[in-house]
PDB file of N, CA and C in Angstrom:
ATOM      1  N   MET A   1       0.833  -1.187   0.000  1.00  0.00           N
ATOM      2  CA  MET A   1       0.000   0.000   0.000  1.00  0.00           C
ATOM      3  C   MET A   1       0.878   1.250   0.000  1.00  0.00           C
ATOM      4  N   LYS A   2       0.314   2.320  -0.513  1.00  0.00           N
ATOM      5  CA  LYS A   2       1.028   3.587  -0.544  1.00  0.00           C
ATOM      6  C   LYS A   2       0.319   4.577   0.380  1.00  0.00           C
ATOM      7  N   TYR A   3       1.118   5.365   1.090  1.00  0.00           N
ATOM      8  CA  TYR A   3       0.587   6.379   1.990  1.00  0.00           C
ATOM      9  C   TYR A   3       1.249   7.719   1.688  1.00  0.00           C
ATOM     10  N   THR A   4       0.537   8.779   1.978  1.00  0.00           N
ATOM     11  CA  THR A   4       1.032  10.128   1.739  1.00  0.00           C
ATOM     12  C   THR A   4       1.777  10.639   2.964  1.00  0.00           C
ATOM     13  N   ILE A   5       2.950  11.222   2.732  1.00  0.00           N
ATOM     14  CA  ILE A   5       3.722  11.880   3.790  1.00  0.00           C
ATOM     15  C   ILE A   5       3.951  13.315   3.329  1.00  0.00           C
ATOM     16  N   ILE A   6       3.415  14.268   4.084  1.00  0.00           N
ATOM     17  CA  ILE A   6       3.567  15.687   3.748  1.00  0.00           C
ATOM     18  C   ILE A   6       4.539  16.308   4.751  1.00  0.00           C
ATOM     19  N   ILE A   7       5.632  16.875   4.239  1.00  0.00           N
ATOM     20  CA  ILE A   7       6.649  17.494   5.094  1.00  0.00           C
ATOM     21  C   ILE A   7       6.724  18.973   4.749  1.00  0.00           C
ATOM     22  N   GLN A   8       6.532  19.820   5.763  1.00  0.00           N
ATOM     23  CA  GLN A   8       6.572  21.265   5.563  1.00  0.00           C
ATOM     24  C   GLN A   8       7.391  21.916   6.667  1.00  0.00           C
ATOM     25  N   TRP A   9       8.110  22.974   6.319  1.00  0.00           N
ATOM     26  CA  TRP A   9       8.838  23.750   7.312  1.00  0.00           C
ATOM     27  C   TRP A   9       7.848  24.598   8.101  1.00  0.00           C
ATOM     28  N   SER A  10       8.006  24.653   9.410  1.00  0.00           N
ATOM     29  CA  SER A  10       7.171  25.488  10.272  1.00  0.00           C
ATOM     30  C   SER A  10       8.036  26.566  10.904  1.00  0.00           C
ATOM     31  N   ASP A  11       7.811  27.828  10.501  1.00  0.00           N
ATOM     32  CA  ASP A  11       8.524  28.939  11.137  1.00  0.00           C
ATOM     33  C   ASP A  11       8.159  29.039  12.610  1.00  0.00           C
ATOM     34  N   GLU A  12       6.896  28.755  12.916  1.00  0.00           N
ATOM     35  CA  GLU A  12       6.414  28.843  14.292  1.00  0.00           C
ATOM     36  C   GLU A  12       7.138  27.854  15.208  1.00  0.00           C
ATOM     37  N   ASN A  13       7.300  26.619  14.732  1.00  0.00           N
ATOM     38  CA  ASN A  13       7.938  25.569  15.536  1.00  0.00           C
ATOM     39  C   ASN A  13       9.430  25.428  15.262  1.00  0.00           C
ATOM     40  N   GLU A  14       9.908  26.105  14.218  1.00  0.00           N
ATOM     41  CA  GLU A  14      11.312  26.038  13.804  1.00  0.00           C
ATOM     42  C   GLU A  14      11.789  24.602  13.584  1.00  0.00           C
ATOM     43  N   CYS A  15      10.954  23.836  12.874  1.00  0.00           N
ATOM     44  CA  CYS A  15      11.306  22.471  12.525  1.00  0.00           C
ATOM     45  C   CYS A  15      10.439  22.046  11.343  1.00  0.00           C
ATOM     46  N   PHE A  16      10.730  20.858  10.816  1.00  0.00           N
ATOM     47  CA  PHE A  16       9.905  20.290   9.759  1.00  0.00           C
ATOM     48  C   PHE A  16       8.770  19.513  10.410  1.00  0.00           C
ATOM     49  N   VAL A  17       7.544  19.823  10.004  1.00  0.00           N
ATOM     50  CA  VAL A  17       6.352  19.165  10.546  1.00  0.00           C
ATOM     51  C   VAL A  17       5.822  18.207   9.486  1.00  0.00           C
ATOM     52  N   VAL A  18       5.480  17.006   9.930  1.00  0.00           N
ATOM     53  CA  VAL A  18       5.030  15.957   9.025  1.00  0.00           C
ATOM     54  C   VAL A  18       3.573  15.609   9.317  1.00  0.00           C
ATOM     55  N   SER A  19       2.785  15.509   8.256  1.00  0.00           N
ATOM     56  CA  SER A  19       1.394  15.065   8.358  1.00  0.00           C
ATOM     57  C   SER A  19       1.241  13.745   7.616  1.00  0.00           C
ATOM     58  N   LEU A  20       0.431  12.859   8.182  1.00  0.00           N
ATOM     59  CA  LEU A  20       0.099  11.584   7.545  1.00  0.00           C
ATOM     60  C   LEU A  20      -1.417  11.591   7.321  1.00  0.00           C
ATOM     61  N   PRO A  21      -1.898  12.179   6.226  1.00  0.00           N
ATOM     62  CA  PRO A  21      -3.323  12.445   6.041  1.00  0.00           C
ATOM     63  C   PRO A  21      -4.232  11.225   6.074  1.00  0.00           C
ATOM     64  N   GLU A  22      -3.764  10.082   5.633  1.00  0.00           N
ATOM     65  CA  GLU A  22      -4.611   8.884   5.668  1.00  0.00           C
ATOM     66  C   GLU A  22      -4.886   8.411   7.092  1.00  0.00           C
ATOM     67  N   TRP A  23      -4.152   8.942   8.045  1.00  0.00           N
ATOM     68  CA  TRP A  23      -4.292   8.537   9.441  1.00  0.00           C
ATOM     69  C   TRP A  23      -4.885   9.655  10.291  1.00  0.00           C
ATOM     70  N   GLY A  24      -5.669  10.527   9.699  1.00  0.00           N
ATOM     71  CA  GLY A  24      -6.335  11.591  10.444  1.00  0.00           C
ATOM     72  C   GLY A  24      -5.367  12.669  10.872  1.00  0.00           C
ATOM     73  N   PHE A  25      -5.376  12.969  12.137  1.00  0.00           N
ATOM     74  CA  PHE A  25      -4.560  14.073  12.662  1.00  0.00           C
ATOM     75  C   PHE A  25      -3.203  13.599  13.169  1.00  0.00           C
ATOM     76  N   CYS A  26      -2.650  12.599  12.536  1.00  0.00           N
ATOM     77  CA  CYS A  26      -1.351  12.068  12.951  1.00  0.00           C
ATOM     78  C   CYS A  26      -0.229  12.958  12.411  1.00  0.00           C
ATOM     79  N   HIS A  27       0.632  13.424  13.328  1.00  0.00           N
ATOM     80  CA  HIS A  27       1.750  14.293  12.961  1.00  0.00           C
ATOM     81  C   HIS A  27       3.008  13.868  13.700  1.00  0.00           C
ATOM     82  N   THR A  28       4.142  14.235  13.139  1.00  0.00           N
ATOM     83  CA  THR A  28       5.433  14.104  13.802  1.00  0.00           C
ATOM     84  C   THR A  28       6.292  15.262  13.306  1.00  0.00           C
ATOM     85  N   HIS A  29       7.551  15.288  13.662  1.00  0.00           N
ATOM     86  CA  HIS A  29       8.399  16.408  13.251  1.00  0.00           C
ATOM     87  C   HIS A  29       9.867  15.989  13.268  1.00  0.00           C
ATOM     88  N   GLY A  30      10.737  16.899  12.815  1.00  0.00           N
ATOM     89  CA  GLY A  30      12.178  16.680  12.865  1.00  0.00           C
ATOM     90  C   GLY A  30      12.906  17.982  12.629  1.00  0.00           C
ATOM     91  N   ASP A  31      14.117  18.071  13.150  1.00  0.00           N
ATOM     92  CA  ASP A  31      14.925  19.281  12.975  1.00  0.00           C
ATOM     93  C   ASP A  31      15.439  19.429  11.552  1.00  0.00           C
ATOM     94  N   THR A  32      15.609  18.301  10.852  1.00  0.00           N
ATOM     95  CA  THR A  32      16.021  18.323   9.452  1.00  0.00           C
ATOM     96  C   THR A  32      14.953  17.592   8.637  1.00  0.00           C
ATOM     97  N   TYR A  33      14.972  17.816   7.326  1.00  0.00           N
ATOM     98  CA  TYR A  33      14.026  17.126   6.441  1.00  0.00           C
ATOM     99  C   TYR A  33      14.205  15.610   6.572  1.00  0.00           C
ATOM    100  N   GLU A  34      15.453  15.174   6.582  1.00  0.00           N
ATOM    101  CA  GLU A  34      15.752  13.743   6.661  1.00  0.00           C
ATOM    102  C   GLU A  34      15.239  13.142   7.964  1.00  0.00           C
ATOM    103  N   GLU A  35      15.435  13.862   9.078  1.00  0.00           N
ATOM    104  CA  GLU A  35      14.955  13.379  10.376  1.00  0.00           C
ATOM    105  C   GLU A  35      13.430  13.318  10.388  1.00  0.00           C
ATOM    106  N   ALA A  36      12.784  14.316   9.820  1.00  0.00           N
ATOM    107  CA  ALA A  36      11.324  14.337   9.759  1.00  0.00           C
ATOM    108  C   ALA A  36      10.812  13.150   8.950  1.00  0.00           C
ATOM    109  N   PHE A  37      11.448  12.867   7.811  1.00  0.00           N
ATOM    110  CA  PHE A  37      11.041  11.744   6.982  1.00  0.00           C
ATOM    111  C   PHE A  37      11.248  10.416   7.711  1.00  0.00           C
ATOM    112  N   LYS A  38      12.375  10.263   8.390  1.00  0.00           N
ATOM    113  CA  LYS A  38      12.656   9.042   9.153  1.00  0.00           C
ATOM    114  C   LYS A  38      11.618   8.848  10.254  1.00  0.00           C
ATOM    115  N   ASN A  39      11.299   9.923  10.969  1.00  0.00           N
ATOM    116  CA  ASN A  39      10.286   9.843  12.024  1.00  0.00           C
ATOM    117  C   ASN A  39       8.927   9.465  11.442  1.00  0.00           C
ATOM    118  N   ALA A  40       8.594  10.021  10.274  1.00  0.00           N
ATOM    119  CA  ALA A  40       7.331   9.691   9.621  1.00  0.00           C
ATOM    120  C   ALA A  40       7.272   8.207   9.262  1.00  0.00           C
ATOM    121  N   GLN A  41       8.369   7.674   8.755  1.00  0.00           N
ATOM    122  CA  GLN A  41       8.413   6.252   8.411  1.00  0.00           C
ATOM    123  C   GLN A  41       8.203   5.385   9.655  1.00  0.00           C
ATOM    124  N   GLU A  42       8.830   5.756  10.764  1.00  0.00           N
ATOM    125  CA  GLU A  42       8.692   4.983  11.998  1.00  0.00           C
ATOM    126  C   GLU A  42       7.257   5.032  12.516  1.00  0.00           C
ATOM    127  N   VAL A  43       6.652   6.210  12.499  1.00  0.00           N
ATOM    128  CA  VAL A  43       5.258   6.337  12.953  1.00  0.00           C
ATOM    129  C   VAL A  43       4.345   5.548  12.045  1.00  0.00           C
ATOM    130  N   LEU A  44       4.569   5.648  10.749  1.00  0.00           N
ATOM    131  CA  LEU A  44       3.735   4.913   9.790  1.00  0.00           C
ATOM    132  C   LEU A  44       3.837   3.406  10.020  1.00  0.00           C
ATOM    133  N   GLU A  45       5.028   2.898  10.263  1.00  0.00           N
ATOM    134  CA  GLU A  45       5.205   1.469  10.540  1.00  0.00           C
ATOM    135  C   GLU A  45       4.430   1.064  11.787  1.00  0.00           C
ATOM    136  N   MET A  46       4.486   1.878  12.828  1.00  0.00           N
ATOM    137  CA  MET A  46       3.738   1.564  14.060  1.00  0.00           C
ATOM    138  C   MET A  46       2.239   1.582  13.809  1.00  0.00           C
ATOM    139  N   LEU A  47       1.768   2.557  13.049  1.00  0.00           N
ATOM    140  CA  LEU A  47       0.328   2.637  12.747  1.00  0.00           C
ATOM    141  C   LEU A  47      -0.146   1.424  11.958  1.00  0.00           C
ATOM    142  N   ILE A  48       0.646   1.009  10.982  1.00  0.00           N
ATOM    143  CA  ILE A  48       0.279  -0.148  10.158  1.00  0.00           C
ATOM    144  C   ILE A  48       0.265  -1.409  10.993  1.00  0.00           C
ATOM    145  N   GLU A  49       1.270  -1.575  11.858  1.00  0.00           N
ATOM    146  CA  GLU A  49       1.338  -2.778  12.708  1.00  0.00           C
ATOM    147  C   GLU A  49       0.180  -2.841  13.689  1.00  0.00           C
ATOM    148  N   SER A  50      -0.278  -1.699  14.171  1.00  0.00           N
ATOM    149  CA  SER A  50      -1.332  -1.689  15.189  1.00  0.00           C
ATOM    150  C   SER A  50      -2.738  -1.724  14.601  1.00  0.00           C
ATOM    151  N   SER A  51      -2.841  -1.611  13.267  1.00  0.00           N
ATOM    152  CA  SER A  51      -4.198  -1.614  12.677  1.00  0.00           C
ATOM    153  C   SER A  51      -4.646  -3.005  12.305  1.00  0.00           C
TER     154      SER A  51
END
């Protein structure tokens, strides 16, 4: 299956904020784009395993 990962810079939070739209209001973040993407992958894996 394919899932959407949206990564955007947040001036307010001074980090990259990640949204996983197929999972409702699920979000994570990271100080770098790469860290944000890695965190998103980890959260997505946990969500898939728990569903």
